[in-house]
N, C-alpha and C. Protein backbone atom coordinates (compact mmCIF):
# COMPACT_ATOMS: atom_id res chain seq x y z
N UNK A 1 108.89 40.11 -35.37
CA UNK A 1 109.21 41.37 -35.99
C UNK A 1 108.46 42.48 -35.27
N UNK A 2 109.15 43.59 -35.08
CA UNK A 2 108.55 44.72 -34.39
C UNK A 2 107.90 45.63 -35.42
N UNK A 3 106.65 45.97 -35.20
CA UNK A 3 105.95 46.90 -36.08
C UNK A 3 106.50 48.30 -35.84
N UNK A 4 106.40 49.17 -36.86
CA UNK A 4 106.88 50.54 -36.73
C UNK A 4 106.21 51.21 -35.54
N UNK A 5 107.01 51.83 -34.70
CA UNK A 5 106.49 52.54 -33.54
C UNK A 5 106.12 51.65 -32.37
N UNK A 6 106.30 50.36 -32.50
CA UNK A 6 105.94 49.42 -31.44
C UNK A 6 107.09 49.28 -30.46
N UNK A 7 106.81 49.41 -29.18
CA UNK A 7 107.84 49.23 -28.17
C UNK A 7 108.06 47.73 -27.93
N UNK A 8 109.13 47.42 -27.26
CA UNK A 8 109.39 46.02 -26.91
C UNK A 8 108.24 45.46 -26.08
N UNK A 9 107.77 46.23 -25.11
CA UNK A 9 106.67 45.76 -24.25
C UNK A 9 105.41 45.52 -25.08
N UNK A 10 105.11 46.42 -26.01
CA UNK A 10 103.94 46.23 -26.88
C UNK A 10 104.10 44.98 -27.75
N UNK A 11 105.29 44.79 -28.27
CA UNK A 11 105.56 43.62 -29.12
C UNK A 11 105.38 42.33 -28.33
N UNK A 12 105.93 42.29 -27.12
CA UNK A 12 105.79 41.08 -26.30
C UNK A 12 104.32 40.83 -25.96
N UNK A 13 103.57 41.89 -25.69
CA UNK A 13 102.15 41.75 -25.40
C UNK A 13 101.42 41.17 -26.61
N UNK A 14 101.73 41.67 -27.81
CA UNK A 14 101.11 41.17 -29.04
C UNK A 14 101.46 39.70 -29.27
N UNK A 15 102.71 39.35 -29.10
CA UNK A 15 103.15 37.97 -29.31
C UNK A 15 102.49 37.05 -28.28
N UNK A 16 102.43 37.49 -27.03
CA UNK A 16 101.77 36.68 -25.99
C UNK A 16 100.31 36.45 -26.33
N UNK A 17 99.63 37.47 -26.83
CA UNK A 17 98.22 37.34 -27.21
C UNK A 17 98.07 36.35 -28.38
N UNK A 18 98.91 36.48 -29.40
CA UNK A 18 98.83 35.56 -30.55
C UNK A 18 99.14 34.13 -30.13
N UNK A 19 100.13 33.98 -29.28
CA UNK A 19 100.46 32.64 -28.79
C UNK A 19 99.27 32.04 -28.04
N UNK A 20 98.68 32.80 -27.13
CA UNK A 20 97.57 32.29 -26.32
C UNK A 20 96.37 31.95 -27.20
N UNK A 21 96.09 32.76 -28.21
CA UNK A 21 94.98 32.47 -29.12
C UNK A 21 95.22 31.15 -29.86
N UNK A 22 96.43 30.96 -30.36
CA UNK A 22 96.75 29.71 -31.07
C UNK A 22 96.69 28.53 -30.12
N UNK A 23 97.23 28.70 -28.93
CA UNK A 23 97.22 27.64 -27.93
C UNK A 23 95.80 27.26 -27.54
N UNK A 24 94.96 28.26 -27.32
CA UNK A 24 93.58 27.99 -26.92
C UNK A 24 92.82 27.23 -28.01
N UNK A 25 93.10 27.51 -29.28
CA UNK A 25 92.45 26.77 -30.37
C UNK A 25 92.87 25.30 -30.34
N UNK A 26 94.15 25.03 -30.10
CA UNK A 26 94.62 23.64 -30.01
C UNK A 26 93.96 22.93 -28.83
N UNK A 27 93.95 23.57 -27.68
CA UNK A 27 93.34 22.97 -26.48
C UNK A 27 91.87 22.67 -26.72
N UNK A 28 91.15 23.60 -27.34
CA UNK A 28 89.73 23.37 -27.62
C UNK A 28 89.54 22.17 -28.54
N UNK A 29 90.38 22.05 -29.53
CA UNK A 29 90.28 20.91 -30.45
C UNK A 29 90.51 19.59 -29.70
N UNK A 30 91.54 19.55 -28.88
CA UNK A 30 91.86 18.31 -28.16
C UNK A 30 90.82 18.01 -27.09
N UNK A 31 90.32 19.03 -26.43
CA UNK A 31 89.30 18.83 -25.41
C UNK A 31 88.01 18.31 -26.04
N UNK A 32 87.68 18.75 -27.25
CA UNK A 32 86.44 18.37 -27.91
C UNK A 32 86.47 17.03 -28.62
N UNK A 33 87.64 16.43 -28.74
CA UNK A 33 87.76 15.15 -29.45
C UNK A 33 87.33 13.99 -28.55
N UNK A 34 86.75 12.98 -29.17
CA UNK A 34 86.44 11.76 -28.42
C UNK A 34 87.74 11.08 -28.01
N UNK A 35 87.71 10.43 -26.85
CA UNK A 35 88.94 9.84 -26.28
C UNK A 35 89.59 8.85 -27.24
N UNK A 36 88.81 7.97 -27.86
CA UNK A 36 89.42 6.98 -28.76
C UNK A 36 90.06 7.66 -29.97
N UNK A 37 89.42 8.68 -30.49
CA UNK A 37 89.99 9.42 -31.62
C UNK A 37 91.24 10.17 -31.20
N UNK A 38 91.22 10.72 -30.00
CA UNK A 38 92.36 11.46 -29.48
C UNK A 38 93.61 10.58 -29.38
N UNK A 39 93.40 9.32 -29.02
CA UNK A 39 94.51 8.39 -28.78
C UNK A 39 94.95 7.61 -30.02
N UNK A 40 94.14 7.60 -31.07
CA UNK A 40 94.42 6.76 -32.24
C UNK A 40 95.39 7.46 -33.20
N UNK A 41 96.53 6.84 -33.48
CA UNK A 41 97.43 7.43 -34.47
C UNK A 41 96.86 7.24 -35.88
N UNK A 42 97.29 8.05 -36.82
CA UNK A 42 96.81 7.90 -38.20
C UNK A 42 97.18 6.52 -38.76
N UNK A 43 96.35 6.02 -39.65
CA UNK A 43 96.57 4.70 -40.25
C UNK A 43 97.89 4.66 -41.02
N UNK A 44 98.29 5.78 -41.59
CA UNK A 44 99.53 5.82 -42.37
C UNK A 44 100.76 6.16 -41.53
N UNK A 45 100.60 6.14 -40.20
CA UNK A 45 101.73 6.40 -39.31
C UNK A 45 101.73 7.83 -38.79
N UNK A 46 102.49 8.05 -37.78
CA UNK A 46 102.58 9.37 -37.17
C UNK A 46 101.98 9.36 -35.77
N UNK A 47 101.87 10.55 -35.21
CA UNK A 47 101.41 10.70 -33.85
C UNK A 47 99.89 10.83 -33.79
N UNK A 48 99.33 10.37 -32.68
CA UNK A 48 97.92 10.62 -32.39
C UNK A 48 97.76 12.10 -32.03
N UNK A 49 96.53 12.57 -32.00
CA UNK A 49 96.28 13.96 -31.61
C UNK A 49 96.76 14.21 -30.18
N UNK A 50 96.60 13.23 -29.29
CA UNK A 50 97.09 13.38 -27.91
C UNK A 50 98.61 13.51 -27.89
N UNK A 51 99.28 12.71 -28.70
CA UNK A 51 100.74 12.80 -28.76
C UNK A 51 101.20 14.13 -29.34
N UNK A 52 100.46 14.63 -30.33
CA UNK A 52 100.78 15.95 -30.90
C UNK A 52 100.68 17.01 -29.80
N UNK A 53 99.60 16.97 -29.03
CA UNK A 53 99.43 17.93 -27.94
C UNK A 53 100.53 17.81 -26.91
N UNK A 54 100.91 16.58 -26.57
CA UNK A 54 101.98 16.37 -25.60
C UNK A 54 103.28 16.99 -26.11
N UNK A 55 103.57 16.77 -27.39
CA UNK A 55 104.78 17.33 -28.00
C UNK A 55 104.76 18.86 -27.91
N UNK A 56 103.62 19.47 -28.22
CA UNK A 56 103.52 20.93 -28.14
C UNK A 56 103.80 21.39 -26.71
N UNK A 57 103.21 20.72 -25.73
CA UNK A 57 103.45 21.10 -24.34
C UNK A 57 104.94 20.97 -23.99
N UNK A 58 105.57 19.89 -24.44
CA UNK A 58 106.99 19.68 -24.14
C UNK A 58 107.85 20.77 -24.79
N UNK A 59 107.58 21.09 -26.04
CA UNK A 59 108.36 22.12 -26.73
C UNK A 59 108.12 23.49 -26.09
N UNK A 60 106.86 23.80 -25.80
CA UNK A 60 106.58 25.10 -25.18
C UNK A 60 107.25 25.24 -23.81
N UNK A 61 107.24 24.16 -23.04
CA UNK A 61 107.92 24.18 -21.75
C UNK A 61 109.42 24.39 -21.91
N UNK A 62 109.99 23.73 -22.92
CA UNK A 62 111.42 23.90 -23.21
C UNK A 62 111.70 25.34 -23.66
N UNK A 63 110.91 25.85 -24.59
CA UNK A 63 111.09 27.23 -25.03
C UNK A 63 111.01 28.20 -23.85
N UNK A 64 110.01 28.01 -22.99
CA UNK A 64 109.83 28.90 -21.84
C UNK A 64 111.06 28.88 -20.95
N UNK A 65 111.59 27.70 -20.68
CA UNK A 65 112.77 27.59 -19.84
C UNK A 65 114.00 28.23 -20.46
N UNK A 66 114.14 28.08 -21.78
CA UNK A 66 115.28 28.68 -22.47
C UNK A 66 115.17 30.21 -22.49
N UNK A 67 113.97 30.72 -22.71
CA UNK A 67 113.77 32.17 -22.74
C UNK A 67 114.01 32.77 -21.35
N UNK A 68 113.48 32.12 -20.33
CA UNK A 68 113.62 32.67 -18.97
C UNK A 68 115.02 32.47 -18.40
N UNK A 69 115.74 31.50 -18.92
CA UNK A 69 117.06 31.17 -18.39
C UNK A 69 117.01 30.04 -17.38
N UNK A 70 115.81 29.52 -17.07
CA UNK A 70 115.69 28.40 -16.13
C UNK A 70 116.33 27.14 -16.71
N UNK A 71 116.35 27.02 -18.01
CA UNK A 71 117.04 25.92 -18.70
C UNK A 71 118.20 26.54 -19.46
N UNK A 72 119.43 26.10 -19.17
CA UNK A 72 120.56 26.66 -19.91
C UNK A 72 120.51 26.23 -21.37
N UNK A 73 121.03 27.05 -22.23
CA UNK A 73 121.07 26.69 -23.65
C UNK A 73 121.11 27.89 -24.56
N UNK A 74 120.55 29.01 -24.10
CA UNK A 74 120.64 30.23 -24.90
C UNK A 74 122.09 30.72 -24.84
N UNK A 75 122.60 31.08 -26.00
CA UNK A 75 123.99 31.54 -26.10
C UNK A 75 124.03 33.01 -26.48
N UNK A 76 125.02 33.69 -25.95
CA UNK A 76 125.18 35.10 -26.28
C UNK A 76 125.65 35.21 -27.73
N UNK A 77 125.01 36.11 -28.46
CA UNK A 77 125.41 36.35 -29.84
C UNK A 77 126.73 37.10 -29.86
N UNK A 78 127.54 36.79 -30.85
CA UNK A 78 128.80 37.53 -31.03
C UNK A 78 128.47 38.97 -31.41
N UNK A 79 129.26 39.92 -30.95
CA UNK A 79 129.00 41.32 -31.35
C UNK A 79 129.00 41.43 -32.88
N UNK A 80 127.99 42.10 -33.42
CA UNK A 80 127.88 42.29 -34.86
C UNK A 80 127.36 41.09 -35.63
N UNK A 81 126.93 40.05 -34.90
CA UNK A 81 126.41 38.85 -35.57
C UNK A 81 125.20 39.21 -36.42
N UNK A 82 125.15 38.64 -37.61
CA UNK A 82 124.01 38.87 -38.50
C UNK A 82 122.82 38.06 -37.99
N UNK A 83 121.71 38.73 -37.80
CA UNK A 83 120.49 38.08 -37.34
C UNK A 83 119.44 38.23 -38.44
N UNK A 84 118.95 37.10 -38.90
CA UNK A 84 117.92 37.13 -39.94
C UNK A 84 116.59 37.56 -39.35
N UNK A 85 115.78 38.28 -40.11
CA UNK A 85 114.45 38.64 -39.62
C UNK A 85 113.60 37.38 -39.41
N UNK A 86 112.62 37.46 -38.49
CA UNK A 86 111.78 36.30 -38.20
C UNK A 86 111.14 35.73 -39.45
N UNK A 87 110.63 36.59 -40.34
CA UNK A 87 109.95 36.11 -41.54
C UNK A 87 110.88 35.24 -42.39
N UNK A 88 112.13 35.60 -42.46
CA UNK A 88 113.10 34.82 -43.22
C UNK A 88 113.38 33.48 -42.53
N UNK A 89 113.49 33.50 -41.22
CA UNK A 89 113.69 32.25 -40.47
C UNK A 89 112.49 31.35 -40.66
N UNK A 90 111.29 31.90 -40.49
CA UNK A 90 110.06 31.11 -40.60
C UNK A 90 109.92 30.51 -41.99
N UNK A 91 110.26 31.26 -43.02
CA UNK A 91 110.13 30.78 -44.39
C UNK A 91 111.07 29.60 -44.65
N UNK A 92 112.15 29.51 -43.89
CA UNK A 92 113.12 28.43 -44.08
C UNK A 92 112.85 27.18 -43.26
N UNK A 93 111.80 27.19 -42.45
CA UNK A 93 111.49 26.01 -41.64
C UNK A 93 110.88 24.94 -42.54
N UNK A 94 111.48 23.76 -42.58
CA UNK A 94 110.94 22.71 -43.45
C UNK A 94 109.55 22.27 -43.01
N UNK A 95 108.80 21.69 -43.94
CA UNK A 95 107.45 21.20 -43.63
C UNK A 95 107.47 20.13 -42.57
N UNK A 96 108.52 19.33 -42.53
CA UNK A 96 108.61 18.25 -41.55
C UNK A 96 109.99 18.29 -40.91
N UNK A 97 109.98 18.24 -39.59
CA UNK A 97 111.22 18.16 -38.80
C UNK A 97 111.11 16.95 -37.89
N UNK A 98 112.19 16.26 -37.67
CA UNK A 98 112.19 15.17 -36.69
C UNK A 98 112.39 15.78 -35.31
N UNK A 99 111.49 15.45 -34.41
CA UNK A 99 111.55 15.98 -33.05
C UNK A 99 112.72 15.36 -32.29
N UNK A 100 113.38 16.19 -31.51
CA UNK A 100 114.43 15.73 -30.61
C UNK A 100 113.82 14.73 -29.63
N UNK A 101 114.60 13.78 -29.18
CA UNK A 101 114.09 12.73 -28.29
C UNK A 101 113.40 13.28 -27.04
N UNK A 102 113.91 14.38 -26.49
CA UNK A 102 113.33 14.88 -25.24
C UNK A 102 111.93 15.48 -25.44
N UNK A 103 111.52 15.71 -26.69
CA UNK A 103 110.17 16.24 -26.94
C UNK A 103 109.33 15.28 -27.79
N UNK A 104 109.76 14.01 -27.85
CA UNK A 104 108.96 12.98 -28.51
C UNK A 104 107.98 12.41 -27.49
N UNK A 105 106.72 12.27 -27.89
CA UNK A 105 105.70 11.86 -26.92
C UNK A 105 105.75 10.39 -26.56
N UNK A 106 105.19 10.05 -25.40
CA UNK A 106 105.03 8.64 -25.03
C UNK A 106 103.93 8.01 -25.89
N UNK A 107 103.79 6.68 -25.84
CA UNK A 107 102.79 6.00 -26.67
C UNK A 107 101.34 6.42 -26.40
N UNK A 108 101.02 6.73 -25.16
CA UNK A 108 99.65 7.14 -24.83
C UNK A 108 99.71 8.29 -23.83
N UNK A 109 98.78 9.23 -23.98
CA UNK A 109 98.73 10.39 -23.10
C UNK A 109 97.27 10.59 -22.69
N UNK A 110 96.93 10.29 -21.43
CA UNK A 110 95.55 10.53 -20.99
C UNK A 110 95.15 12.00 -21.14
N UNK A 111 93.91 12.23 -21.53
CA UNK A 111 93.43 13.59 -21.80
C UNK A 111 93.68 14.54 -20.63
N UNK A 112 93.37 14.13 -19.40
CA UNK A 112 93.53 15.05 -18.27
C UNK A 112 94.99 15.46 -18.11
N UNK A 113 95.91 14.52 -18.26
CA UNK A 113 97.34 14.85 -18.16
C UNK A 113 97.78 15.74 -19.31
N UNK A 114 97.25 15.46 -20.50
CA UNK A 114 97.58 16.26 -21.67
C UNK A 114 97.15 17.71 -21.48
N UNK A 115 95.91 17.91 -21.07
CA UNK A 115 95.39 19.27 -20.90
C UNK A 115 96.12 20.01 -19.78
N UNK A 116 96.44 19.31 -18.69
CA UNK A 116 97.22 19.93 -17.61
C UNK A 116 98.60 20.34 -18.11
N UNK A 117 99.25 19.47 -18.88
CA UNK A 117 100.59 19.77 -19.40
C UNK A 117 100.55 20.96 -20.35
N UNK A 118 99.53 21.01 -21.21
CA UNK A 118 99.41 22.14 -22.14
C UNK A 118 99.19 23.45 -21.39
N UNK A 119 98.33 23.44 -20.39
CA UNK A 119 98.06 24.68 -19.64
C UNK A 119 99.30 25.12 -18.86
N UNK A 120 99.98 24.19 -18.24
CA UNK A 120 101.18 24.54 -17.47
C UNK A 120 102.26 25.11 -18.39
N UNK A 121 102.45 24.49 -19.55
CA UNK A 121 103.46 24.98 -20.50
C UNK A 121 103.09 26.37 -21.01
N UNK A 122 101.81 26.58 -21.31
CA UNK A 122 101.38 27.90 -21.80
C UNK A 122 101.57 28.96 -20.72
N UNK A 123 101.30 28.63 -19.48
CA UNK A 123 101.52 29.59 -18.39
C UNK A 123 103.00 29.94 -18.26
N UNK A 124 103.87 28.92 -18.37
CA UNK A 124 105.32 29.17 -18.30
C UNK A 124 105.78 30.01 -19.49
N UNK A 125 105.23 29.71 -20.68
CA UNK A 125 105.61 30.49 -21.87
C UNK A 125 105.18 31.94 -21.71
N UNK A 126 103.96 32.16 -21.24
CA UNK A 126 103.48 33.52 -21.05
C UNK A 126 104.35 34.28 -20.07
N UNK A 127 104.69 33.65 -18.96
CA UNK A 127 105.53 34.29 -17.95
C UNK A 127 106.93 34.59 -18.51
N UNK A 128 107.47 33.65 -19.26
CA UNK A 128 108.81 33.85 -19.83
C UNK A 128 108.81 35.01 -20.82
N UNK A 129 107.80 35.08 -21.67
CA UNK A 129 107.73 36.17 -22.64
C UNK A 129 107.47 37.50 -21.95
N UNK A 130 106.64 37.50 -20.92
CA UNK A 130 106.34 38.73 -20.19
C UNK A 130 107.58 39.30 -19.51
N UNK A 131 108.47 38.42 -19.08
CA UNK A 131 109.65 38.88 -18.36
C UNK A 131 110.89 39.03 -19.24
N UNK A 132 110.78 38.71 -20.53
CA UNK A 132 111.94 38.80 -21.42
C UNK A 132 112.29 40.27 -21.67
N UNK A 133 113.47 40.65 -21.23
CA UNK A 133 113.90 42.04 -21.44
C UNK A 133 114.33 42.22 -22.89
N UNK A 134 114.23 43.45 -23.33
CA UNK A 134 114.64 43.76 -24.71
C UNK A 134 116.11 43.40 -24.91
N UNK A 135 116.92 43.69 -23.92
CA UNK A 135 118.36 43.41 -24.01
C UNK A 135 118.63 41.91 -24.11
N UNK A 136 118.01 41.10 -23.26
CA UNK A 136 118.22 39.64 -23.30
C UNK A 136 117.68 39.07 -24.61
N UNK A 137 116.54 39.55 -25.04
CA UNK A 137 115.93 39.06 -26.27
C UNK A 137 116.79 39.29 -27.49
N UNK A 138 117.52 40.40 -27.50
CA UNK A 138 118.38 40.74 -28.64
C UNK A 138 119.78 40.15 -28.51
N UNK A 139 120.23 39.93 -27.29
CA UNK A 139 121.62 39.51 -27.07
C UNK A 139 121.83 38.01 -27.03
N UNK A 140 120.76 37.24 -26.73
CA UNK A 140 120.90 35.80 -26.61
C UNK A 140 120.04 35.10 -27.65
N UNK A 141 120.51 33.90 -28.04
CA UNK A 141 119.81 33.17 -29.10
C UNK A 141 119.90 31.67 -28.88
N UNK A 142 119.05 30.96 -29.60
CA UNK A 142 119.09 29.50 -29.63
C UNK A 142 119.68 29.09 -30.97
N UNK A 143 120.44 28.02 -30.96
CA UNK A 143 121.00 27.48 -32.20
C UNK A 143 120.30 26.16 -32.48
N UNK A 144 119.55 26.10 -33.56
CA UNK A 144 118.84 24.88 -33.96
C UNK A 144 119.59 24.28 -35.15
N UNK A 145 119.80 22.96 -35.16
CA UNK A 145 120.60 22.35 -36.22
C UNK A 145 120.01 22.51 -37.63
N UNK A 146 118.72 22.70 -37.75
CA UNK A 146 118.09 22.86 -39.06
C UNK A 146 117.69 24.31 -39.32
N UNK A 147 117.10 24.94 -38.32
CA UNK A 147 116.55 26.28 -38.49
C UNK A 147 117.63 27.35 -38.41
N UNK A 148 118.64 27.11 -37.61
CA UNK A 148 119.74 28.07 -37.47
C UNK A 148 119.62 28.87 -36.19
N UNK A 149 120.15 30.07 -36.22
CA UNK A 149 120.20 30.94 -35.05
C UNK A 149 118.87 31.69 -34.92
N UNK A 150 118.25 31.58 -33.74
CA UNK A 150 116.98 32.24 -33.46
C UNK A 150 117.14 33.07 -32.19
N UNK A 151 117.16 34.40 -32.30
CA UNK A 151 117.25 35.23 -31.10
C UNK A 151 116.08 34.97 -30.16
N UNK A 152 116.30 35.09 -28.87
CA UNK A 152 115.24 34.86 -27.90
C UNK A 152 114.03 35.77 -28.16
N UNK A 153 114.28 36.94 -28.73
CA UNK A 153 113.18 37.86 -29.04
C UNK A 153 112.20 37.25 -30.05
N UNK A 154 112.61 36.23 -30.79
CA UNK A 154 111.75 35.60 -31.80
C UNK A 154 111.11 34.29 -31.31
N UNK A 155 111.46 33.83 -30.15
CA UNK A 155 111.00 32.51 -29.70
C UNK A 155 109.48 32.49 -29.50
N UNK A 156 108.89 33.58 -29.08
CA UNK A 156 107.43 33.62 -28.95
C UNK A 156 106.74 33.42 -30.29
N UNK A 157 107.29 34.02 -31.34
CA UNK A 157 106.74 33.84 -32.68
C UNK A 157 106.96 32.40 -33.16
N UNK A 158 108.11 31.85 -32.83
CA UNK A 158 108.42 30.47 -33.19
C UNK A 158 107.43 29.53 -32.49
N UNK A 159 107.21 29.76 -31.20
CA UNK A 159 106.28 28.92 -30.44
C UNK A 159 104.87 29.03 -31.01
N UNK A 160 104.46 30.23 -31.38
CA UNK A 160 103.13 30.41 -31.97
C UNK A 160 103.01 29.65 -33.28
N UNK A 161 104.00 29.78 -34.14
CA UNK A 161 103.99 29.05 -35.42
C UNK A 161 103.98 27.54 -35.18
N UNK A 162 104.71 27.10 -34.18
CA UNK A 162 104.76 25.67 -33.85
C UNK A 162 103.39 25.17 -33.41
N UNK A 163 102.71 25.92 -32.56
CA UNK A 163 101.37 25.53 -32.10
C UNK A 163 100.40 25.49 -33.29
N UNK A 164 100.44 26.51 -34.13
CA UNK A 164 99.54 26.56 -35.29
C UNK A 164 99.78 25.37 -36.21
N UNK A 165 101.02 25.08 -36.45
CA UNK A 165 101.38 23.96 -37.33
C UNK A 165 100.84 22.64 -36.77
N UNK A 166 101.02 22.44 -35.47
CA UNK A 166 100.58 21.17 -34.88
C UNK A 166 99.07 21.13 -34.65
N UNK A 167 98.43 22.27 -34.52
CA UNK A 167 96.98 22.27 -34.46
C UNK A 167 96.42 21.78 -35.80
N UNK A 168 97.00 22.24 -36.88
CA UNK A 168 96.57 21.78 -38.20
C UNK A 168 96.81 20.27 -38.34
N UNK A 169 97.94 19.79 -37.82
CA UNK A 169 98.23 18.36 -37.86
C UNK A 169 97.21 17.58 -37.03
N UNK A 170 96.88 18.08 -35.85
CA UNK A 170 95.88 17.41 -35.01
C UNK A 170 94.52 17.41 -35.71
N UNK A 171 94.18 18.49 -36.37
CA UNK A 171 92.90 18.56 -37.10
C UNK A 171 92.86 17.48 -38.18
N UNK A 172 93.94 17.35 -38.95
CA UNK A 172 94.00 16.31 -39.99
C UNK A 172 93.92 14.92 -39.37
N UNK A 173 94.61 14.71 -38.28
CA UNK A 173 94.63 13.40 -37.61
C UNK A 173 93.24 13.04 -37.11
N UNK A 174 92.57 13.98 -36.48
CA UNK A 174 91.22 13.71 -35.96
C UNK A 174 90.22 13.54 -37.11
N UNK A 175 90.38 14.29 -38.18
CA UNK A 175 89.46 14.19 -39.32
C UNK A 175 89.58 12.82 -40.00
N UNK A 176 90.76 12.23 -39.93
CA UNK A 176 90.99 10.92 -40.56
C UNK A 176 90.48 9.79 -39.67
N UNK A 177 90.08 10.13 -38.45
CA UNK A 177 89.60 9.13 -37.49
C UNK A 177 88.08 9.19 -37.47
N UNK A 178 87.41 8.06 -37.69
CA UNK A 178 85.95 8.08 -37.62
C UNK A 178 85.48 8.61 -36.26
N UNK A 179 84.49 9.46 -36.31
CA UNK A 179 83.92 10.06 -35.10
C UNK A 179 84.95 10.81 -34.30
N UNK A 180 85.82 11.55 -34.99
CA UNK A 180 86.90 12.28 -34.32
C UNK A 180 86.45 13.40 -33.42
N UNK A 181 85.20 13.86 -33.57
CA UNK A 181 84.70 14.94 -32.72
C UNK A 181 83.43 14.50 -32.04
N UNK A 182 83.18 15.10 -30.91
CA UNK A 182 81.95 14.80 -30.17
C UNK A 182 80.83 15.69 -30.64
């Protein structure tokens, strides 16, 4: 959402900053975890903290490619199409979504590869958001089977929310693991 008086460039700068802050918190958490805790999935099922980080990197890389146009998939909105505000879209995101196969993590992810993947994805996301024109952001959108239509102008906010959500998941996963932090 654009604040009153905020230009597109200012909005993108704000979103890029919020994304990077959220991303850096996740990276710090994963970097600070002991290797065995990082790799151990929760006793009640689900992904390990390393797998959560890998998923975030995969989704961020996908988002970056879709925003920049390097990955086809963004569709032009029909003229006059109703676009819901980001807050309304975000409020409708379910607590749990099943990840698409292309962003499901492998069974084990070594820390060095995980951190490299996260940094590379964040760099691509930052570049994609920095280069997103106001016209492309408003004219093209992603169609998600559960979330619905998301204009490219909102993908940075979506990515930020996704990182925050999975950082909280990683925190819970590591907390449930004995000696989860160094």
